[in-house]
Amino acid sequence: MIDMAIIWGDTEETQNAAKRSFEDSVEQILKEKGVINLNDLMKLISHDNNLLTDFQRILKGIDTLIEECKVIIDQEKNIRMTTLSVLGTDGLDELPIWDIIHKEKDIEIKKEIIRRYNAINPLL
């Protein structure tokens, strides 16, 4: 069993920040490149000081992203974003799942702002 503190950090807060940072990095790389091989991802993200920990962190992070259906990895270890087919005005569109997740988070933030504003000023 891998000690998560070694990979992500000592506290839950640092672990969550490290996981978000990793996910953001993978998302940005995939938006720029479209597809990246696991070995190339290792070269981009790893640090020279502790390759074994970086390797474990990347593998665990990719496993988590696969479980959350955010990325797909094929037999050749090529990683790509998961897309979702949605019906648009021009037919079916392929949207990256991360774009949908970001839109949902943005909607939730706006709903919370409206809820708080209504609590302060219920007449509107």
Protein backbone atom coordinates (compact mmCIF):
# COMPACT_ATOMS: atom_id res chain seq x y z
CA MET A 1 0.00 0.00 0.00
CA ILE A 2 1.36 3.40 -0.98
CA ASP A 3 1.53 6.01 1.77
CA MET A 4 -0.58 8.89 0.42
CA ALA A 5 1.32 11.41 2.57
CA ILE A 6 4.48 10.65 0.60
CA ILE A 7 2.69 11.21 -2.70
CA TRP A 8 0.25 14.06 -2.02
CA GLY A 9 1.31 15.68 1.27
CA ASP A 10 0.93 15.39 5.03
CA THR A 11 -2.45 17.01 5.66
CA GLU A 12 -5.78 16.65 3.94
CA GLU A 13 -5.57 20.28 2.82
CA THR A 14 -2.17 19.82 1.16
CA GLN A 15 -3.30 16.53 -0.37
CA ASN A 16 -6.37 18.17 -1.91
CA ALA A 17 -4.28 21.09 -3.20
CA ALA A 18 -1.72 18.71 -4.72
CA LYS A 19 -4.44 16.62 -6.37
CA ARG A 20 -6.14 19.74 -7.80
CA SER A 21 -2.79 21.02 -9.06
CA PHE A 22 -2.05 17.68 -10.71
CA GLU A 23 -5.48 17.54 -12.32
CA ASP A 24 -5.18 21.14 -13.54
CA SER A 25 -1.76 20.35 -15.04
CA VAL A 26 -3.04 17.26 -16.86
CA GLU A 27 -6.08 19.16 -18.10
CA GLN A 28 -3.93 22.00 -19.46
CA ILE A 29 -1.50 19.60 -21.15
CA LEU A 30 -4.34 17.65 -22.77
CA LYS A 31 -6.05 20.84 -23.97
CA GLU A 32 -2.79 21.91 -25.62
CA LYS A 33 -1.73 18.55 -27.05
CA GLY A 34 -4.97 16.58 -27.36
CA VAL A 35 -3.19 13.29 -26.63
CA ILE A 36 -0.05 12.55 -24.64
CA ASN A 37 1.78 9.33 -23.91
CA LEU A 38 2.19 8.41 -20.25
CA ASN A 39 5.99 8.44 -20.64
CA ASP A 40 5.90 11.96 -22.12
CA LEU A 41 3.62 13.09 -19.31
CA MET A 42 6.17 11.75 -16.83
CA LYS A 43 8.89 13.84 -18.47
CA LEU A 44 6.75 16.98 -18.35
CA ILE A 45 5.52 16.67 -14.77
CA SER A 46 8.29 14.86 -12.89
CA HIS A 47 11.01 16.49 -10.85
CA ASP A 48 14.58 15.28 -10.83
CA ASN A 49 14.84 15.05 -7.05
CA ASN A 50 12.47 12.12 -6.44
CA LEU A 51 11.48 10.19 -9.55
CA LEU A 52 9.94 7.23 -7.71
CA THR A 53 7.54 9.46 -5.77
CA ASP A 54 6.71 11.39 -8.95
CA PHE A 55 6.07 8.16 -10.81
CA GLN A 56 3.74 6.93 -8.05
CA ARG A 57 1.97 10.31 -7.87
CA ILE A 58 1.41 10.42 -11.63
CA LEU A 59 0.18 6.83 -11.81
CA LYS A 60 -2.16 7.30 -8.85
CA GLY A 61 -3.37 10.63 -10.25
CA ILE A 62 -4.05 9.14 -13.67
CA ASP A 63 -5.85 6.18 -12.06
CA THR A 64 -8.05 8.62 -10.17
CA LEU A 65 -8.79 10.61 -13.34
CA ILE A 66 -9.72 7.37 -15.13
CA GLU A 67 -12.02 6.37 -12.24
CA GLU A 68 -13.67 9.81 -12.40
CA CYS A 69 -14.08 9.35 -16.20
CA LYS A 70 -12.05 12.49 -16.94
CA VAL A 71 -9.39 10.77 -19.08
CA ILE A 72 -9.07 7.65 -21.19
CA ILE A 73 -5.86 5.67 -21.60
CA ASP A 74 -5.39 3.19 -24.44
CA GLN A 75 -3.18 0.11 -24.90
CA GLU A 76 -0.22 2.23 -26.05
CA LYS A 77 -0.50 4.34 -22.85
CA ASN A 78 -1.80 7.37 -24.75
CA ILE A 79 -3.93 9.60 -22.54
CA ARG A 80 -6.75 11.77 -23.86
CA MET A 81 -9.62 13.73 -22.38
CA THR A 82 -12.96 12.04 -22.09
CA THR A 83 -15.55 13.78 -24.22
CA LEU A 84 -19.29 13.77 -24.01
CA SER A 85 -21.55 13.93 -27.05
CA VAL A 86 -24.22 16.58 -26.64
CA LEU A 87 -26.92 17.72 -29.00
CA GLY A 88 -26.20 21.25 -30.13
CA THR A 89 -27.77 23.56 -32.66
CA ASP A 90 -25.61 22.07 -35.44
CA GLY A 91 -26.03 18.43 -34.44
CA LEU A 92 -23.86 16.40 -32.10
CA ASP A 93 -20.92 18.17 -30.49
CA GLU A 94 -18.06 16.53 -28.62
CA LEU A 95 -17.38 18.48 -25.41
CA PRO A 96 -14.48 17.71 -23.09
CA ILE A 97 -15.83 16.50 -19.76
CA TRP A 98 -13.69 19.07 -17.93
CA ASP A 99 -15.50 21.90 -19.72
CA ILE A 100 -18.81 20.53 -18.51
CA ILE A 101 -17.50 20.14 -14.94
CA HIS A 102 -16.21 23.74 -14.96
CA LYS A 103 -19.58 25.01 -16.20
CA GLU A 104 -21.39 23.08 -13.46
CA LYS A 105 -19.07 24.53 -10.79
CA ASP A 106 -19.61 28.02 -12.19
CA ILE A 107 -23.40 27.53 -12.07
CA GLU A 108 -23.19 26.30 -8.46
CA ILE A 109 -21.14 29.36 -7.47
CA LYS A 110 -23.67 31.69 -9.13
CA LYS A 111 -26.57 29.89 -7.44
CA GLU A 112 -24.86 30.31 -4.07
CA ILE A 113 -24.33 34.03 -4.74
CA ILE A 114 -28.03 34.42 -5.62
CA ARG A 115 -29.07 32.44 -2.52
CA ARG A 116 -26.94 34.63 -0.26
CA TYR A 117 -28.17 37.82 -1.92
CA ASN A 118 -31.78 36.71 -1.50
CA ALA A 119 -31.13 36.00 2.18
CA ILE A 120 -29.88 39.57 2.60
CA ASN A 121 -32.50 41.24 0.38
CA PRO A 122 -35.58 38.97 0.15
CA LEU A 123 -37.62 41.55 -1.77
CA LEU A 124 -35.75 40.91 -5.01
